[in-house]
């Protein structure tokens, strides 16, 4: 990736709503050149989308937990992500090395909702779980260093 493209990506990571005019000023490009660069970064899959950052407590989801899952039957198909994809509480699913197969990041309103969700995960995916409840989040979704 060229240095100019890298600079554009860093700027958009800081402010995904930055206008092409402001992006051009910050990089020394014209507005149309900045627009073309961003479009090429999108076409190449480097920029995959734009999203709002939401205060999860303000929308009623104050409890975050990480749930490690592993199959009860190791010879069963490795399809837990597909079996769990419809669970709206799931924010992320990571395939991991180690004792567990996946780590799920979930957000729910209450401990009771977490308990209900754990039962659904076990039933739907045929897995055992180990749960870590988040007490606080000093930082999250930090931009990658490159």
Protein backbone atom coordinates (compact mmCIF):
# COMPACT_ATOMS: atom_id res chain seq x y z
CA UNK A 1 0.00 0.00 0.00
CA UNK A 2 1.32 3.43 -0.92
CA UNK A 3 2.08 5.96 1.82
CA UNK A 4 -0.71 8.26 0.59
CA UNK A 5 -3.26 5.45 0.76
CA UNK A 6 -2.00 4.57 4.23
CA UNK A 7 -2.48 8.20 5.29
CA UNK A 8 -6.04 8.21 3.91
CA UNK A 9 -6.89 5.02 5.78
CA UNK A 10 -5.48 6.44 9.04
CA UNK A 11 -7.55 9.62 8.62
CA UNK A 12 -10.73 7.64 7.92
CA UNK A 13 -10.08 5.41 10.93
CA UNK A 14 -10.07 8.58 13.06
CA UNK A 15 -13.16 10.02 11.36
CA UNK A 16 -15.06 7.78 8.97
CA UNK A 17 -17.35 10.68 8.08
CA UNK A 18 -14.54 12.98 6.93
CA UNK A 19 -15.54 14.74 3.72
CA UNK A 20 -13.53 14.26 0.55
CA UNK A 21 -12.73 17.97 0.69
CA UNK A 22 -11.25 17.68 4.20
CA UNK A 23 -9.51 14.45 3.25
CA UNK A 24 -7.98 16.20 0.25
CA UNK A 25 -6.79 19.13 2.37
CA UNK A 26 -5.21 16.79 4.92
CA UNK A 27 -3.37 14.82 2.24
CA UNK A 28 -2.60 17.52 -0.33
CA UNK A 29 -5.00 16.02 -2.89
CA UNK A 30 -7.86 17.60 -4.75
CA UNK A 31 -11.35 16.64 -3.63
CA UNK A 32 -11.87 14.46 -6.72
CA UNK A 33 -8.47 12.76 -6.32
CA UNK A 34 -9.26 12.00 -2.66
CA UNK A 35 -12.63 10.57 -3.73
CA UNK A 36 -10.97 8.38 -6.38
CA UNK A 37 -8.39 7.09 -3.89
CA UNK A 38 -11.07 6.20 -1.35
CA UNK A 39 -13.14 4.46 -4.03
CA UNK A 40 -10.09 2.39 -5.10
CA UNK A 41 -9.39 1.47 -1.46
CA UNK A 42 -13.00 0.31 -1.18
CA UNK A 43 -12.82 -1.66 -4.43
CA UNK A 44 -9.61 -3.38 -3.28
CA UNK A 45 -11.33 -4.37 -0.03
CA UNK A 46 -8.98 -2.37 2.17
CA UNK A 47 -11.88 -0.21 3.32
CA UNK A 48 -14.71 -2.67 3.87
CA UNK A 49 -17.33 -0.34 5.30
CA UNK A 50 -18.23 2.46 7.66
CA UNK A 51 -20.01 2.14 10.99
CA UNK A 52 -21.42 4.16 13.85
CA UNK A 53 -19.79 3.70 17.26
CA UNK A 54 -22.59 3.20 19.78
CA UNK A 55 -22.59 3.52 23.57
CA UNK A 56 -23.82 0.04 24.47
CA UNK A 57 -24.84 1.06 27.98
CA UNK A 58 -27.00 3.86 26.59
CA UNK A 59 -28.88 1.38 24.37
CA UNK A 60 -29.51 -1.04 27.23
CA UNK A 61 -26.68 -3.55 26.74
CA UNK A 62 -24.34 -2.85 29.66
CA UNK A 63 -23.09 -6.41 30.18
CA UNK A 64 -20.29 -7.64 27.90
CA UNK A 65 -18.93 -11.18 28.13
CA UNK A 66 -16.52 -13.44 26.29
CA UNK A 67 -17.70 -17.00 25.90
CA UNK A 68 -15.20 -19.69 24.98
CA UNK A 69 -16.81 -22.67 23.28
CA UNK A 70 -15.61 -26.13 22.41
CA UNK A 71 -17.52 -29.05 20.95
CA UNK A 72 -18.84 -31.66 23.34
CA UNK A 73 -18.11 -34.26 20.66
CA UNK A 74 -14.73 -33.49 18.99
CA UNK A 75 -15.68 -35.67 16.01
CA UNK A 76 -18.79 -33.55 15.29
CA UNK A 77 -18.71 -31.07 12.37
CA UNK A 78 -17.05 -27.75 13.16
CA UNK A 79 -20.13 -25.64 12.41
CA UNK A 80 -20.67 -23.63 15.60
CA UNK A 81 -20.42 -20.24 13.82
CA UNK A 82 -23.18 -21.21 11.39
CA UNK A 83 -25.36 -22.64 14.16
CA UNK A 84 -25.01 -19.45 16.22
CA UNK A 85 -25.15 -16.84 13.45
CA UNK A 86 -28.79 -15.93 14.20
CA UNK A 87 -28.10 -14.93 17.82
CA UNK A 88 -28.41 -11.15 17.84
CA UNK A 89 -26.49 -10.89 21.13
CA UNK A 90 -23.33 -12.10 19.37
CA UNK A 91 -21.08 -9.22 18.42
CA UNK A 92 -18.08 -11.26 17.27
CA UNK A 93 -16.97 -14.85 16.76
CA UNK A 94 -13.24 -15.65 16.66
CA UNK A 95 -11.75 -19.01 15.72
CA UNK A 96 -8.87 -19.58 18.13
CA UNK A 97 -5.98 -21.94 18.79
CA UNK A 98 -5.88 -23.72 22.11
CA UNK A 99 -8.32 -25.76 24.15
CA UNK A 100 -11.43 -23.95 22.89
CA UNK A 101 -12.51 -23.69 19.27
CA UNK A 102 -14.12 -20.23 19.30
CA UNK A 103 -14.41 -17.17 21.49
CA UNK A 104 -17.65 -15.24 21.24
CA UNK A 105 -18.11 -11.62 22.27
CA UNK A 106 -21.65 -10.95 23.46
CA UNK A 107 -23.60 -8.01 24.85
CA UNK A 108 -26.75 -8.43 26.95
CA UNK A 109 -28.88 -6.35 29.34
CA UNK A 110 -28.59 -8.46 32.52
CA UNK A 111 -26.85 -11.46 34.10
CA UNK A 112 -30.11 -13.38 33.69
CA UNK A 113 -30.06 -12.66 29.96
CA UNK A 114 -26.47 -13.94 29.84
CA UNK A 115 -27.55 -17.14 31.59
CA UNK A 116 -30.37 -17.64 29.06
CA UNK A 117 -28.00 -16.94 26.17
CA UNK A 118 -25.47 -19.48 27.47
CA UNK A 119 -28.18 -22.16 27.51
CA UNK A 120 -29.17 -21.28 23.94
CA UNK A 121 -25.54 -21.42 22.76
CA UNK A 122 -25.00 -24.84 24.34
CA UNK A 123 -28.22 -26.20 22.87
CA UNK A 124 -27.91 -24.73 19.37
CA UNK A 125 -24.24 -25.55 18.81
CA UNK A 126 -23.72 -28.66 20.94
CA UNK A 127 -20.81 -27.09 22.80
CA UNK A 128 -19.52 -26.58 26.30
CA UNK A 129 -18.84 -23.01 27.40
CA UNK A 130 -16.54 -21.05 29.68
CA UNK A 131 -17.56 -17.45 30.32
CA UNK A 132 -15.62 -14.34 31.29
CA UNK A 133 -17.69 -11.28 32.27
CA UNK A 134 -16.19 -7.87 31.45
CA UNK A 135 -16.02 -5.50 34.43
CA UNK A 136 -14.87 -2.43 32.51
CA UNK A 137 -13.40 -1.53 29.12
CA UNK A 138 -10.58 1.03 29.29
CA UNK A 139 -10.39 1.02 25.46
CA UNK A 140 -11.85 -0.90 22.56
CA UNK A 141 -11.83 -0.96 18.75
CA UNK A 142 -8.46 0.71 18.55
CA UNK A 143 -7.21 1.47 15.06
CA UNK A 144 -4.53 -0.94 13.81
CA UNK A 145 -0.96 0.30 13.67
CA UNK A 146 0.55 0.02 10.22
